[in-house]
């Protein structure tokens, strides 16, 4: 799992988001932080508290192989 920080134009303060290997959101902060470093640090602490074993599978980047093109 990974922790990322984000902000939006309408809410310029930083928030953290915990994302699993499949890219799905596990949890998101309700509070805001003045710096990206503070948001990521708090998100890492929360991820430790969750103690979740991430068994998700990363999606394939292109969704489909091109093996059907090589058979011609």
PDB file of N, CA and C in Angstrom:
ATOM      1  N   UNK A   1       0.841  -1.172   0.000  1.00  0.00           N
ATOM      2  CA  UNK A   1       0.000   0.000   0.000  1.00  0.00           C
ATOM      3  C   UNK A   1       0.884   1.233   0.000  1.00  0.00           C
ATOM      4  N   UNK A   2       0.315   2.330  -0.458  1.00  0.00           N
ATOM      5  CA  UNK A   2       1.039   3.585  -0.551  1.00  0.00           C
ATOM      6  C   UNK A   2       0.219   4.720   0.051  1.00  0.00           C
ATOM      7  N   UNK A   3       0.940   5.738   0.508  1.00  0.00           N
ATOM      8  CA  UNK A   3       0.299   6.956   0.994  1.00  0.00           C
ATOM      9  C   UNK A   3       0.624   8.057   0.000  1.00  0.00           C
ATOM     10  N   UNK A   4      -0.378   8.804  -0.383  1.00  0.00           N
ATOM     11  CA  UNK A   4      -0.167   9.940  -1.268  1.00  0.00           C
ATOM     12  C   UNK A   4      -0.833  11.162  -0.657  1.00  0.00           C
ATOM     13  N   UNK A   5      -0.373  12.314  -1.027  1.00  0.00           N
ATOM     14  CA  UNK A   5      -0.987  13.556  -0.553  1.00  0.00           C
ATOM     15  C   UNK A   5      -1.527  14.310  -1.762  1.00  0.00           C
ATOM     16  N   UNK A   6      -2.631  15.017  -1.554  1.00  0.00           N
ATOM     17  CA  UNK A   6      -3.233  15.762  -2.658  1.00  0.00           C
ATOM     18  C   UNK A   6      -3.925  17.006  -2.124  1.00  0.00           C
ATOM     19  N   UNK A   7      -4.114  17.938  -3.011  1.00  0.00           N
ATOM     20  CA  UNK A   7      -4.903  19.137  -2.716  1.00  0.00           C
ATOM     21  C   UNK A   7      -5.679  19.489  -3.970  1.00  0.00           C
ATOM     22  N   UNK A   8      -6.707  20.287  -3.820  1.00  0.00           N
ATOM     23  CA  UNK A   8      -7.514  20.703  -4.963  1.00  0.00           C
ATOM     24  C   UNK A   8      -7.625  22.220  -4.957  1.00  0.00           C
ATOM     25  N   UNK A   9      -7.931  22.824  -6.078  1.00  0.00           N
ATOM     26  CA  UNK A   9      -8.059  24.288  -6.104  1.00  0.00           C
ATOM     27  C   UNK A   9      -9.116  24.808  -5.115  1.00  0.00           C
ATOM     28  N   UNK A  10     -10.176  24.067  -4.932  1.00  0.00           N
ATOM     29  CA  UNK A  10     -11.221  24.522  -4.015  1.00  0.00           C
ATOM     30  C   UNK A  10     -10.843  24.296  -2.549  1.00  0.00           C
ATOM     31  N   UNK A  11      -9.927  23.330  -2.303  1.00  0.00           N
ATOM     32  CA  UNK A  11      -9.436  23.049  -0.952  1.00  0.00           C
ATOM     33  C   UNK A  11      -7.918  22.959  -1.023  1.00  0.00           C
ATOM     34  N   UNK A  12      -7.218  24.096  -0.925  1.00  0.00           N
ATOM     35  CA  UNK A  12      -5.769  24.122  -1.172  1.00  0.00           C
ATOM     36  C   UNK A  12      -4.907  23.454  -0.104  1.00  0.00           C
ATOM     37  N   UNK A  13      -5.437  23.184   1.099  1.00  0.00           N
ATOM     38  CA  UNK A  13      -4.638  22.467   2.089  1.00  0.00           C
ATOM     39  C   UNK A  13      -4.488  21.013   1.671  1.00  0.00           C
ATOM     40  N   UNK A  14      -3.466  20.346   2.202  1.00  0.00           N
ATOM     41  CA  UNK A  14      -3.146  18.983   1.818  1.00  0.00           C
ATOM     42  C   UNK A  14      -3.951  17.969   2.627  1.00  0.00           C
ATOM     43  N   UNK A  15      -4.278  16.855   1.987  1.00  0.00           N
ATOM     44  CA  UNK A  15      -4.912  15.706   2.633  1.00  0.00           C
ATOM     45  C   UNK A  15      -4.164  14.457   2.204  1.00  0.00           C
ATOM     46  N   UNK A  16      -4.249  13.396   2.993  1.00  0.00           N
ATOM     47  CA  UNK A  16      -3.602  12.144   2.611  1.00  0.00           C
ATOM     48  C   UNK A  16      -4.629  11.132   2.155  1.00  0.00           C
ATOM     49  N   UNK A  17      -4.136  10.167   1.381  1.00  0.00           N
ATOM     50  CA  UNK A  17      -4.979   9.083   0.874  1.00  0.00           C
ATOM     51  C   UNK A  17      -4.136   7.806   0.876  1.00  0.00           C
ATOM     52  N   UNK A  18      -4.678   6.731   1.426  1.00  0.00           N
ATOM     53  CA  UNK A  18      -4.017   5.427   1.408  1.00  0.00           C
ATOM     54  C   UNK A  18      -4.613   4.637   0.251  1.00  0.00           C
ATOM     55  N   UNK A  19      -3.729   4.130  -0.611  1.00  0.00           N
ATOM     56  CA  UNK A  19      -4.148   3.436  -1.832  1.00  0.00           C
ATOM     57  C   UNK A  19      -3.483   2.065  -1.867  1.00  0.00           C
ATOM     58  N   UNK A  20      -4.239   1.026  -2.225  1.00  0.00           N
ATOM     59  CA  UNK A  20      -3.640  -0.308  -2.320  1.00  0.00           C
ATOM     60  C   UNK A  20      -2.947  -0.478  -3.672  1.00  0.00           C
ATOM     61  N   UNK A  21      -2.328  -1.634  -3.880  1.00  0.00           N
ATOM     62  CA  UNK A  21      -1.568  -1.876  -5.114  1.00  0.00           C
ATOM     63  C   UNK A  21      -2.433  -1.892  -6.369  1.00  0.00           C
ATOM     64  N   UNK A  22      -3.727  -2.106  -6.212  1.00  0.00           N
ATOM     65  CA  UNK A  22      -4.628  -2.095  -7.365  1.00  0.00           C
ATOM     66  C   UNK A  22      -5.095  -0.678  -7.692  1.00  0.00           C
ATOM     67  N   UNK A  23      -4.690   0.299  -6.884  1.00  0.00           N
ATOM     68  CA  UNK A  23      -5.081   1.683  -7.126  1.00  0.00           C
ATOM     69  C   UNK A  23      -6.392   2.074  -6.469  1.00  0.00           C
ATOM     70  N   UNK A  24      -6.934   1.206  -5.628  1.00  0.00           N
ATOM     71  CA  UNK A  24      -8.195   1.498  -4.948  1.00  0.00           C
ATOM     72  C   UNK A  24      -7.932   2.275  -3.664  1.00  0.00           C
ATOM     73  N   UNK A  25      -8.782   3.232  -3.363  1.00  0.00           N
ATOM     74  CA  UNK A  25      -8.639   4.028  -2.148  1.00  0.00           C
ATOM     75  C   UNK A  25      -9.066   3.184  -0.951  1.00  0.00           C
ATOM     76  N   UNK A  26      -8.178   3.079   0.031  1.00  0.00           N
ATOM     77  CA  UNK A  26      -8.468   2.340   1.260  1.00  0.00           C
ATOM     78  C   UNK A  26      -9.043   3.298   2.294  1.00  0.00           C
ATOM     79  N   UNK A  27      -8.406   4.452   2.439  1.00  0.00           N
ATOM     80  CA  UNK A  27      -8.881   5.455   3.391  1.00  0.00           C
ATOM     81  C   UNK A  27      -8.349   6.827   2.992  1.00  0.00           C
ATOM     82  N   UNK A  28      -9.084   7.857   3.384  1.00  0.00           N
ATOM     83  CA  UNK A  28      -8.718   9.242   3.073  1.00  0.00           C
ATOM     84  C   UNK A  28      -8.907  10.090   4.324  1.00  0.00           C
ATOM     85  N   UNK A  29      -8.024  11.070   4.501  1.00  0.00           N
ATOM     86  CA  UNK A  29      -8.120  11.914   5.695  1.00  0.00           C
ATOM     87  C   UNK A  29      -9.309  12.861   5.602  1.00  0.00           C
ATOM     88  N   UNK A  30      -9.872  13.156   6.756  1.00  0.00           N
ATOM     89  CA  UNK A  30     -10.951  14.134   6.830  1.00  0.00           C
ATOM     90  C   UNK A  30     -10.376  15.519   7.120  1.00  0.00           C
ATOM     91  N   UNK A  31      -9.295  15.520   7.885  1.00  0.00           N
ATOM     92  CA  UNK A  31      -8.644  16.783   8.225  1.00  0.00           C
ATOM     93  C   UNK A  31      -7.680  17.228   7.151  1.00  0.00           C
ATOM     94  N   UNK A  32      -7.203  18.458   7.257  1.00  0.00           N
ATOM     95  CA  UNK A  32      -6.262  19.004   6.280  1.00  0.00           C
ATOM     96  C   UNK A  32      -4.952  19.365   6.968  1.00  0.00           C
ATOM     97  N   UNK A  33      -3.898  19.523   6.169  1.00  0.00           N
ATOM     98  CA  UNK A  33      -2.560  19.799   6.660  1.00  0.00           C
ATOM     99  C   UNK A  33      -1.971  20.942   5.844  1.00  0.00           C
ATOM    100  N   UNK A  34      -1.134  21.731   6.480  1.00  0.00           N
ATOM    101  CA  UNK A  34      -0.536  22.881   5.799  1.00  0.00           C
ATOM    102  C   UNK A  34       0.563  22.503   4.812  1.00  0.00           C
ATOM    103  N   UNK A  35       1.216  21.346   5.039  1.00  0.00           N
ATOM    104  CA  UNK A  35       2.302  20.950   4.137  1.00  0.00           C
ATOM    105  C   UNK A  35       2.094  19.516   3.654  1.00  0.00           C
ATOM    106  N   UNK A  36       2.696  19.217   2.517  1.00  0.00           N
ATOM    107  CA  UNK A  36       2.617  17.876   1.961  1.00  0.00           C
ATOM    108  C   UNK A  36       3.322  16.884   2.883  1.00  0.00           C
ATOM    109  N   UNK A  37       4.433  17.305   3.490  1.00  0.00           N
ATOM    110  CA  UNK A  37       5.190  16.433   4.392  1.00  0.00           C
ATOM    111  C   UNK A  37       4.354  16.035   5.605  1.00  0.00           C
ATOM    112  N   UNK A  38       3.627  16.968   6.169  1.00  0.00           N
ATOM    113  CA  UNK A  38       2.783  16.675   7.332  1.00  0.00           C
ATOM    114  C   UNK A  38       1.660  15.717   6.960  1.00  0.00           C
ATOM    115  N   UNK A  39       1.083  15.891   5.784  1.00  0.00           N
ATOM    116  CA  UNK A  39       0.002  15.014   5.335  1.00  0.00           C
ATOM    117  C   UNK A  39       0.508  13.589   5.134  1.00  0.00           C
ATOM    118  N   UNK A  40       1.648  13.439   4.472  1.00  0.00           N
ATOM    119  CA  UNK A  40       2.197  12.105   4.217  1.00  0.00           C
ATOM    120  C   UNK A  40       2.602  11.428   5.525  1.00  0.00           C
ATOM    121  N   UNK A  41       3.206  12.174   6.447  1.00  0.00           N
ATOM    122  CA  UNK A  41       3.615  11.602   7.731  1.00  0.00           C
ATOM    123  C   UNK A  41       2.399  11.083   8.504  1.00  0.00           C
ATOM    124  N   UNK A  42       1.336  11.850   8.533  1.00  0.00           N
ATOM    125  CA  UNK A  42       0.120  11.425   9.224  1.00  0.00           C
ATOM    126  C   UNK A  42      -0.512  10.214   8.528  1.00  0.00           C
ATOM    127  N   UNK A  43      -0.494  10.195   7.208  1.00  0.00           N
ATOM    128  CA  UNK A  43      -1.028   9.068   6.452  1.00  0.00           C
ATOM    129  C   UNK A  43      -0.244   7.794   6.702  1.00  0.00           C
ATOM    130  N   UNK A  44       1.081   7.910   6.814  1.00  0.00           N
ATOM    131  CA  UNK A  44       1.900   6.732   7.117  1.00  0.00           C
ATOM    132  C   UNK A  44       1.578   6.174   8.492  1.00  0.00           C
ATOM    133  N   UNK A  45       1.382   7.060   9.448  1.00  0.00           N
ATOM    134  CA  UNK A  45       1.016   6.610  10.793  1.00  0.00           C
ATOM    135  C   UNK A  45      -0.324   5.878  10.766  1.00  0.00           C
ATOM    136  N   UNK A  46      -1.271   6.420  10.030  1.00  0.00           N
ATOM    137  CA  UNK A  46      -2.585   5.776   9.935  1.00  0.00           C
ATOM    138  C   UNK A  46      -2.479   4.424   9.250  1.00  0.00           C
ATOM    139  N   UNK A  47      -1.630   4.321   8.224  1.00  0.00           N
ATOM    140  CA  UNK A  47      -1.453   3.064   7.518  1.00  0.00           C
ATOM    141  C   UNK A  47      -0.886   2.007   8.470  1.00  0.00           C
ATOM    142  N   UNK A  48       0.042   2.400   9.346  1.00  0.00           N
ATOM    143  CA  UNK A  48       0.580   1.475  10.345  1.00  0.00           C
ATOM    144  C   UNK A  48      -0.518   1.011  11.299  1.00  0.00           C
ATOM    145  N   UNK A  49      -1.385   1.928  11.708  1.00  0.00           N
ATOM    146  CA  UNK A  49      -2.484   1.589  12.616  1.00  0.00           C
ATOM    147  C   UNK A  49      -3.449   0.592  11.972  1.00  0.00           C
ATOM    148  N   UNK A  50      -3.699   0.752  10.686  1.00  0.00           N
ATOM    149  CA  UNK A  50      -4.621  -0.146   9.983  1.00  0.00           C
ATOM    150  C   UNK A  50      -4.095  -1.575   9.951  1.00  0.00           C
ATOM    151  N   UNK A  51      -2.767  -1.720   9.807  1.00  0.00           N
ATOM    152  CA  UNK A  51      -2.125  -3.027   9.800  1.00  0.00           C
ATOM    153  C   UNK A  51      -2.823  -3.992   8.840  1.00  0.00           C
ATOM    154  N   UNK A  52      -3.001  -3.554   7.616  1.00  0.00           N
ATOM    155  CA  UNK A  52      -3.689  -4.342   6.591  1.00  0.00           C
ATOM    156  C   UNK A  52      -2.663  -5.010   5.685  1.00  0.00           C
ATOM    157  N   UNK A  53      -2.868  -6.282   5.412  1.00  0.00           N
ATOM    158  CA  UNK A  53      -2.018  -7.015   4.485  1.00  0.00           C
ATOM    159  C   UNK A  53      -2.604  -6.842   3.084  1.00  0.00           C
ATOM    160  N   UNK A  54      -1.927  -6.076   2.255  1.00  0.00           N
ATOM    161  CA  UNK A  54      -2.440  -5.770   0.912  1.00  0.00           C
ATOM    162  C   UNK A  54      -2.181  -6.935  -0.022  1.00  0.00           C
ATOM    163  N   UNK A  55      -3.241  -7.618  -0.415  1.00  0.00           N
ATOM    164  CA  UNK A  55      -3.134  -8.752  -1.342  1.00  0.00           C
ATOM    165  C   UNK A  55      -3.743  -8.421  -2.695  1.00  0.00           C
ATOM    166  N   UNK A  56      -3.977  -7.150  -2.930  1.00  0.00           N
ATOM    167  CA  UNK A  56      -4.548  -6.746  -4.215  1.00  0.00           C
ATOM    168  C   UNK A  56      -3.514  -6.925  -5.315  1.00  0.00           C
ATOM    169  N   UNK A  57      -3.986  -7.008  -6.539  1.00  0.00           N
ATOM    170  CA  UNK A  57      -3.131  -7.218  -7.697  1.00  0.00           C
ATOM    171  C   UNK A  57      -3.154  -5.967  -8.559  1.00  0.00           C
ATOM    172  N   UNK A  58      -1.972  -5.534  -8.954  1.00  0.00           N
ATOM    173  CA  UNK A  58      -1.898  -4.368  -9.838  1.00  0.00           C
ATOM    174  C   UNK A  58      -2.570  -4.669 -11.167  1.00  0.00           C
ATOM    175  N   UNK A  59      -3.338  -3.719 -11.658  1.00  0.00           N
ATOM    176  CA  UNK A  59      -3.955  -3.941 -12.967  1.00  0.00           C
ATOM    177  C   UNK A  59      -2.898  -3.892 -14.069  1.00  0.00           C
ATOM    178  N   UNK A  60      -3.141  -4.618 -15.139  1.00  0.00           N
ATOM    179  CA  UNK A  60      -2.219  -4.547 -16.273  1.00  0.00           C
ATOM    180  C   UNK A  60      -2.347  -3.167 -16.904  1.00  0.00           C
ATOM    181  N   UNK A  61      -1.237  -2.569 -17.299  1.00  0.00           N
ATOM    182  CA  UNK A  61      -1.289  -1.187 -17.786  1.00  0.00           C
ATOM    183  C   UNK A  61      -2.133  -0.970 -19.036  1.00  0.00           C
ATOM    184  N   UNK A  62      -2.240  -1.969 -19.885  1.00  0.00           N
ATOM    185  CA  UNK A  62      -2.980  -1.777 -21.129  1.00  0.00           C
ATOM    186  C   UNK A  62      -4.233  -2.631 -21.209  1.00  0.00           C
ATOM    187  N   UNK A  63      -4.522  -3.386 -20.161  1.00  0.00           N
ATOM    188  CA  UNK A  63      -5.754  -4.148 -20.097  1.00  0.00           C
ATOM    189  C   UNK A  63      -5.832  -5.367 -20.999  1.00  0.00           C
ATOM    190  N   UNK A  64      -5.099  -5.378 -22.067  1.00  0.00           N
ATOM    191  CA  UNK A  64      -5.187  -6.476 -23.015  1.00  0.00           C
ATOM    192  C   UNK A  64      -3.837  -6.665 -23.681  1.00  0.00           C
ATOM    193  N   UNK A  65      -3.461  -7.882 -23.922  1.00  0.00           N
ATOM    194  CA  UNK A  65      -2.174  -8.151 -24.572  1.00  0.00           C
ATOM    195  C   UNK A  65      -2.312  -7.985 -26.093  1.00  0.00           C
ATOM    196  N   UNK A  66      -1.197  -7.985 -26.746  1.00  0.00           N
ATOM    197  CA  UNK A  66      -1.198  -7.914 -28.216  1.00  0.00           C
ATOM    198  C   UNK A  66      -0.855  -9.263 -28.833  1.00  0.00           C
ATOM    199  N   UNK A  67      -0.990 -10.334 -28.042  1.00  0.00           N
ATOM    200  CA  UNK A  67      -0.636 -11.650 -28.558  1.00  0.00           C
ATOM    201  C   UNK A  67      -1.493 -12.025 -29.778  1.00  0.00           C
ATOM    202  N   UNK A  68      -2.706 -11.528 -29.838  1.00  0.00           N
ATOM    203  CA  UNK A  68      -3.571 -11.850 -30.990  1.00  0.00           C
ATOM    204  C   UNK A  68      -3.013 -11.270 -32.286  1.00  0.00           C
ATOM    205  N   UNK A  69      -2.194 -10.227 -32.205  1.00  0.00           N
ATOM    206  CA  UNK A  69      -1.594  -9.655 -33.399  1.00  0.00           C
ATOM    207  C   UNK A  69      -0.388 -10.453 -33.873  1.00  0.00           C
ATOM    208  N   UNK A  70       0.263 -11.143 -32.987  1.00  0.00           N
ATOM    209  CA  UNK A  70       1.469 -11.903 -33.344  1.00  0.00           C
ATOM    210  C   UNK A  70       1.130 -13.242 -33.975  1.00  0.00           C
ATOM    211  N   UNK A  71      -0.089 -13.687 -33.909  1.00  0.00           N
ATOM    212  CA  UNK A  71      -0.474 -14.995 -34.438  1.00  0.00           C
ATOM    213  C   UNK A  71      -0.737 -14.974 -35.938  1.00  0.00           C
ATOM    214  N   UNK A  72      -0.720 -13.842 -36.537  1.00  0.00           N
ATOM    215  CA  UNK A  72      -1.054 -13.748 -37.979  1.00  0.00           C
ATOM    216  C   UNK A  72       0.065 -14.199 -38.843  1.00  0.00           C
TER     217      UNK A  72
END
